[in-house]
Amino acid sequence: MTKTLTAYLVDVEKRTIRAVTFDAGNSLDEIRRHIGCRMIDMVRIDRSHSIVVDDNGLTDELTCFTVLKDYPSPLAGNLLIVGNDAAGETVSPRRPIEDIAGMLTIRFPVLSPTFEVLDGPVVFGSRVTGFEVTLKGVAPVVLPTGSAH
């Protein structure tokens, strides 16, 4: 009988978090598959939970990143939240997914056009003269169990 683990997958592009299951006997390959990278690192949330991140994620161009409350560095790419037992082994998370989602803020740039009004003898209207960039932030939306969106 295959033992399965549950973890919480943060899809940063979709700005969602959902529960996923995978084979505990093949956990490293499954973790890599879920977050989409080969080199991983662990960020400790508390004594019983960690976030698995792309170890090289911050070296790539980013369309968004995630901020973990009280953690000094941004996290890049999709994230997988797992539990840890007393021996340091990977287990299913104990905290509810809503608690974990509340600790995360996905930050992304928003481009807002700036306009110039044209009020001349021949041309009337407006044109885009540039863009202002601001960073917006949202908590990931918790998807229902079994949702693959």
C-alpha atoms as a PDB file:
ATOM      1  CA  MET A   1       0.000   0.000   0.000  1.00  0.00           C
ATOM      2  CA  THR A   2       1.381   3.384  -1.006  1.00  0.00           C
ATOM      3  CA  LYS A   3       1.532   6.042   1.698  1.00  0.00           C
ATOM      4  CA  THR A   4       0.446   9.466   0.489  1.00  0.00           C
ATOM      5  CA  LEU A   5       1.206  12.906   1.874  1.00  0.00           C
ATOM      6  CA  THR A   6      -0.806  16.081   1.619  1.00  0.00           C
ATOM      7  CA  ALA A   7       0.877  19.421   1.011  1.00  0.00           C
ATOM      8  CA  TYR A   8      -0.301  22.930   0.109  1.00  0.00           C
ATOM      9  CA  LEU A   9       0.660  24.135  -3.374  1.00  0.00           C
ATOM     10  CA  VAL A  10       0.892  27.881  -4.003  1.00  0.00           C
ATOM     11  CA  ASP A  11       0.519  28.691  -7.701  1.00  0.00           C
ATOM     12  CA  VAL A  12       1.895  32.231  -7.787  1.00  0.00           C
ATOM     13  CA  GLU A  13       0.752  33.059 -11.321  1.00  0.00           C
ATOM     14  CA  LYS A  14      -2.834  32.078 -10.486  1.00  0.00           C
ATOM     15  CA  ARG A  15      -2.499  33.540  -6.963  1.00  0.00           C
ATOM     16  CA  THR A  16      -4.024  30.414  -5.412  1.00  0.00           C
ATOM     17  CA  ILE A  17      -3.261  27.794  -2.777  1.00  0.00           C
ATOM     18  CA  ARG A  18      -4.697  24.278  -2.762  1.00  0.00           C
ATOM     19  CA  ALA A  19      -4.133  20.909  -1.159  1.00  0.00           C
ATOM     20  CA  VAL A  20      -2.308  18.321  -3.258  1.00  0.00           C
ATOM     21  CA  THR A  21      -1.389  14.715  -2.498  1.00  0.00           C
ATOM     22  CA  PHE A  22       1.629  12.743  -3.577  1.00  0.00           C
ATOM     23  CA  ASP A  23       3.426   9.456  -3.023  1.00  0.00           C
ATOM     24  CA  ALA A  24       5.523   9.651   0.163  1.00  0.00           C
ATOM     25  CA  GLY A  25       7.975   7.094  -1.216  1.00  0.00           C
ATOM     26  CA  ASN A  26       8.808   9.359  -4.142  1.00  0.00           C
ATOM     27  CA  SER A  27       8.451  12.684  -2.318  1.00  0.00           C
ATOM     28  CA  LEU A  28      11.525  14.490  -3.694  1.00  0.00           C
ATOM     29  CA  ASP A  29      10.537  13.921  -7.331  1.00  0.00           C
ATOM     30  CA  GLU A  30       6.922  14.772  -6.540  1.00  0.00           C
ATOM     31  CA  ILE A  31       7.924  18.002  -4.781  1.00  0.00           C
ATOM     32  CA  ARG A  32      10.117  19.014  -7.710  1.00  0.00           C
ATOM     33  CA  ARG A  33       7.285  18.274 -10.134  1.00  0.00           C
ATOM     34  CA  HIS A  34       4.787  20.373  -8.176  1.00  0.00           C
ATOM     35  CA  ILE A  35       6.977  23.460  -7.899  1.00  0.00           C
ATOM     36  CA  GLY A  36       8.556  23.038 -11.325  1.00  0.00           C
ATOM     37  CA  CYS A  37      12.286  23.007 -10.614  1.00  0.00           C
ATOM     38  CA  ARG A  38      15.259  20.691  -9.978  1.00  0.00           C
ATOM     39  CA  MET A  39      17.116  22.489  -7.173  1.00  0.00           C
ATOM     40  CA  ILE A  40      15.064  23.017  -4.015  1.00  0.00           C
ATOM     41  CA  ASP A  41      15.552  24.710  -0.683  1.00  0.00           C
ATOM     42  CA  MET A  42      13.497  24.725   2.519  1.00  0.00           C
ATOM     43  CA  VAL A  43      12.281  27.795   4.379  1.00  0.00           C
ATOM     44  CA  ARG A  44      11.159  27.122   7.926  1.00  0.00           C
ATOM     45  CA  ILE A  45       7.747  28.582   8.865  1.00  0.00           C
ATOM     46  CA  ASP A  46       7.689  27.137  12.381  1.00  0.00           C
ATOM     47  CA  ARG A  47       8.867  23.966  14.142  1.00  0.00           C
ATOM     48  CA  SER A  48       6.356  21.824  12.271  1.00  0.00           C
ATOM     49  CA  HIS A  49       6.110  23.430   8.817  1.00  0.00           C
ATOM     50  CA  SER A  50       8.394  24.379   5.929  1.00  0.00           C
ATOM     51  CA  ILE A  51       8.052  25.888   2.488  1.00  0.00           C
ATOM     52  CA  VAL A  52       9.832  24.150  -0.359  1.00  0.00           C
ATOM     53  CA  VAL A  53      11.105  26.737  -2.844  1.00  0.00           C
ATOM     54  CA  ASP A  54      13.034  26.843  -6.105  1.00  0.00           C
ATOM     55  CA  ASP A  55      16.627  27.323  -4.949  1.00  0.00           C
ATOM     56  CA  ASN A  56      17.442  29.293  -8.098  1.00  0.00           C
ATOM     57  CA  GLY A  57      14.105  31.097  -8.391  1.00  0.00           C
ATOM     58  CA  LEU A  58      15.422  34.542  -7.537  1.00  0.00           C
ATOM     59  CA  THR A  59      18.027  34.361 -10.322  1.00  0.00           C
ATOM     60  CA  ASP A  60      15.332  34.290 -13.029  1.00  0.00           C
ATOM     61  CA  GLU A  61      13.178  37.123 -14.326  1.00  0.00           C
ATOM     62  CA  LEU A  62      10.071  37.324 -12.156  1.00  0.00           C
ATOM     63  CA  THR A  63       6.490  38.266 -12.941  1.00  0.00           C
ATOM     64  CA  CYS A  64       5.623  37.986  -9.261  1.00  0.00           C
ATOM     65  CA  PHE A  65       7.051  36.803  -5.936  1.00  0.00           C
ATOM     66  CA  THR A  66       5.779  35.790  -2.517  1.00  0.00           C
ATOM     67  CA  VAL A  67       6.432  37.393   0.847  1.00  0.00           C
ATOM     68  CA  LEU A  68       6.242  35.208   3.973  1.00  0.00           C
ATOM     69  CA  LYS A  69       5.290  37.132   7.102  1.00  0.00           C
ATOM     70  CA  ASP A  70       8.365  37.846   9.272  1.00  0.00           C
ATOM     71  CA  TYR A  71      10.774  36.287   6.729  1.00  0.00           C
ATOM     72  CA  PRO A  72      13.393  38.712   5.357  1.00  0.00           C
ATOM     73  CA  SER A  73      13.698  37.508   1.753  1.00  0.00           C
ATOM     74  CA  PRO A  74      11.149  37.174  -1.065  1.00  0.00           C
ATOM     75  CA  LEU A  75      10.322  33.684  -2.343  1.00  0.00           C
ATOM     76  CA  ALA A  76      10.197  33.031  -6.089  1.00  0.00           C
ATOM     77  CA  GLY A  77       8.193  30.544  -8.089  1.00  0.00           C
ATOM     78  CA  ASN A  78       5.550  28.090  -6.989  1.00  0.00           C
ATOM     79  CA  LEU A  79       5.749  27.012  -3.351  1.00  0.00           C
ATOM     80  CA  LEU A  80       4.917  23.770  -1.580  1.00  0.00           C
ATOM     81  CA  ILE A  81       4.116  23.862   2.132  1.00  0.00           C
ATOM     82  CA  VAL A  82       4.847  20.617   3.960  1.00  0.00           C
ATOM     83  CA  GLY A  83       4.851  19.446   7.548  1.00  0.00           C
ATOM     84  CA  ASN A  84       7.883  18.206   9.462  1.00  0.00           C
ATOM     85  CA  ASP A  85       7.835  15.628  12.249  1.00  0.00           C
ATOM     86  CA  ALA A  86      10.139  15.560  15.301  1.00  0.00           C
ATOM     87  CA  ALA A  87      12.765  13.609  13.317  1.00  0.00           C
ATOM     88  CA  GLY A  88      12.723  16.177  10.504  1.00  0.00           C
ATOM     89  CA  GLU A  89      10.898  13.916   8.049  1.00  0.00           C
ATOM     90  CA  THR A  90       8.377  15.349   5.601  1.00  0.00           C
ATOM     91  CA  VAL A  91       4.773  14.807   6.678  1.00  0.00           C
ATOM     92  CA  SER A  92       1.407  16.388   5.919  1.00  0.00           C
ATOM     93  CA  PRO A  93       0.907  19.910   7.326  1.00  0.00           C
ATOM     94  CA  ARG A  94      -0.910  20.171  10.657  1.00  0.00           C
ATOM     95  CA  ARG A  95      -2.043  23.790  10.297  1.00  0.00           C
ATOM     96  CA  PRO A  96      -5.149  24.573   8.250  1.00  0.00           C
ATOM     97  CA  ILE A  97      -4.560  25.823   4.725  1.00  0.00           C
ATOM     98  CA  GLU A  98      -6.308  29.112   5.595  1.00  0.00           C
ATOM     99  CA  ASP A  99      -3.707  29.822   8.314  1.00  0.00           C
ATOM    100  CA  ILE A 100      -0.867  29.276   5.869  1.00  0.00           C
ATOM    101  CA  ALA A 101      -2.546  31.415   3.174  1.00  0.00           C
ATOM    102  CA  GLY A 102      -2.853  34.240   5.716  1.00  0.00           C
ATOM    103  CA  MET A 103       0.938  34.248   6.191  1.00  0.00           C
ATOM    104  CA  LEU A 104       1.646  34.748   2.479  1.00  0.00           C
ATOM    105  CA  THR A 105       1.385  37.784   0.219  1.00  0.00           C
ATOM    106  CA  ILE A 106       1.872  37.383  -3.516  1.00  0.00           C
ATOM    107  CA  ARG A 107       3.343  40.599  -4.937  1.00  0.00           C
ATOM    108  CA  PHE A 108       3.064  41.525  -8.607  1.00  0.00           C
ATOM    109  CA  PRO A 109       3.641  44.635 -10.736  1.00  0.00           C
ATOM    110  CA  VAL A 110       0.757  46.593 -12.215  1.00  0.00           C
ATOM    111  CA  LEU A 111       1.299  49.003 -15.087  1.00  0.00           C
ATOM    112  CA  SER A 112      -0.928  52.091 -15.107  1.00  0.00           C
ATOM    113  CA  PRO A 113      -0.836  54.269 -18.228  1.00  0.00           C
ATOM    114  CA  THR A 114      -0.244  58.014 -17.972  1.00  0.00           C
ATOM    115  CA  PHE A 115      -1.929  60.228 -20.550  1.00  0.00           C
ATOM    116  CA  GLU A 116      -1.337  63.540 -22.219  1.00  0.00           C
ATOM    117  CA  VAL A 117      -4.309  65.556 -23.419  1.00  0.00           C
ATOM    118  CA  LEU A 118      -3.967  66.736 -27.009  1.00  0.00           C
ATOM    119  CA  ASP A 119      -5.854  69.959 -27.563  1.00  0.00           C
ATOM    120  CA  GLY A 120      -4.461  71.482 -30.699  1.00  0.00           C
ATOM    121  CA  PRO A 121      -5.839  73.014 -33.838  1.00  0.00           C
ATOM    122  CA  VAL A 122      -5.762  69.685 -35.753  1.00  0.00           C
ATOM    123  CA  VAL A 123      -5.633  66.849 -33.179  1.00  0.00           C
ATOM    124  CA  PHE A 124      -7.951  66.438 -30.188  1.00  0.00           C
ATOM    125  CA  GLY A 125      -7.891  63.593 -27.693  1.00  0.00           C
ATOM    126  CA  SER A 126      -5.222  61.953 -25.616  1.00  0.00           C
ATOM    127  CA  ARG A 127      -2.270  59.654 -25.952  1.00  0.00           C
ATOM    128  CA  VAL A 128      -0.296  57.395 -23.655  1.00  0.00           C
ATOM    129  CA  THR A 129       2.956  59.036 -22.598  1.00  0.00           C
ATOM    130  CA  GLY A 130       4.259  56.307 -20.321  1.00  0.00           C
ATOM    131  CA  PHE A 131       3.448  53.911 -17.535  1.00  0.00           C
ATOM    132  CA  GLU A 132       3.668  54.017 -13.758  1.00  0.00           C
ATOM    133  CA  VAL A 133       4.602  50.736 -12.095  1.00  0.00           C
ATOM    134  CA  THR A 134       3.227  49.808  -8.687  1.00  0.00           C
ATOM    135  CA  LEU A 135       3.500  46.593  -6.696  1.00  0.00           C
ATOM    136  CA  LYS A 136       0.185  45.107  -5.603  1.00  0.00           C
ATOM    137  CA  GLY A 137      -0.130  42.359  -3.028  1.00  0.00           C
ATOM    138  CA  VAL A 138      -2.792  39.736  -2.328  1.00  0.00           C
ATOM    139  CA  ALA A 139      -3.104  36.671  -0.153  1.00  0.00           C
ATOM    140  CA  PRO A 140      -3.475  33.495  -2.225  1.00  0.00           C
ATOM    141  CA  VAL A 141      -7.063  32.375  -2.715  1.00  0.00           C
ATOM    142  CA  VAL A 142      -7.766  29.009  -1.076  1.00  0.00           C
ATOM    143  CA  LEU A 143      -9.191  26.578  -3.635  1.00  0.00           C
ATOM    144  CA  PRO A 144     -11.492  23.784  -2.531  1.00  0.00           C
ATOM    145  CA  THR A 145     -10.058  20.302  -2.038  1.00  0.00           C
ATOM    146  CA  GLY A 146      -9.882  18.419  -5.320  1.00  0.00           C
ATOM    147  CA  SER A 147      -9.670  21.595  -7.401  1.00  0.00           C
ATOM    148  CA  ALA A 148      -6.930  21.599 -10.022  1.00  0.00           C
ATOM    149  CA  HIS A 149      -7.347  25.197 -11.283  1.00  0.00           C
END
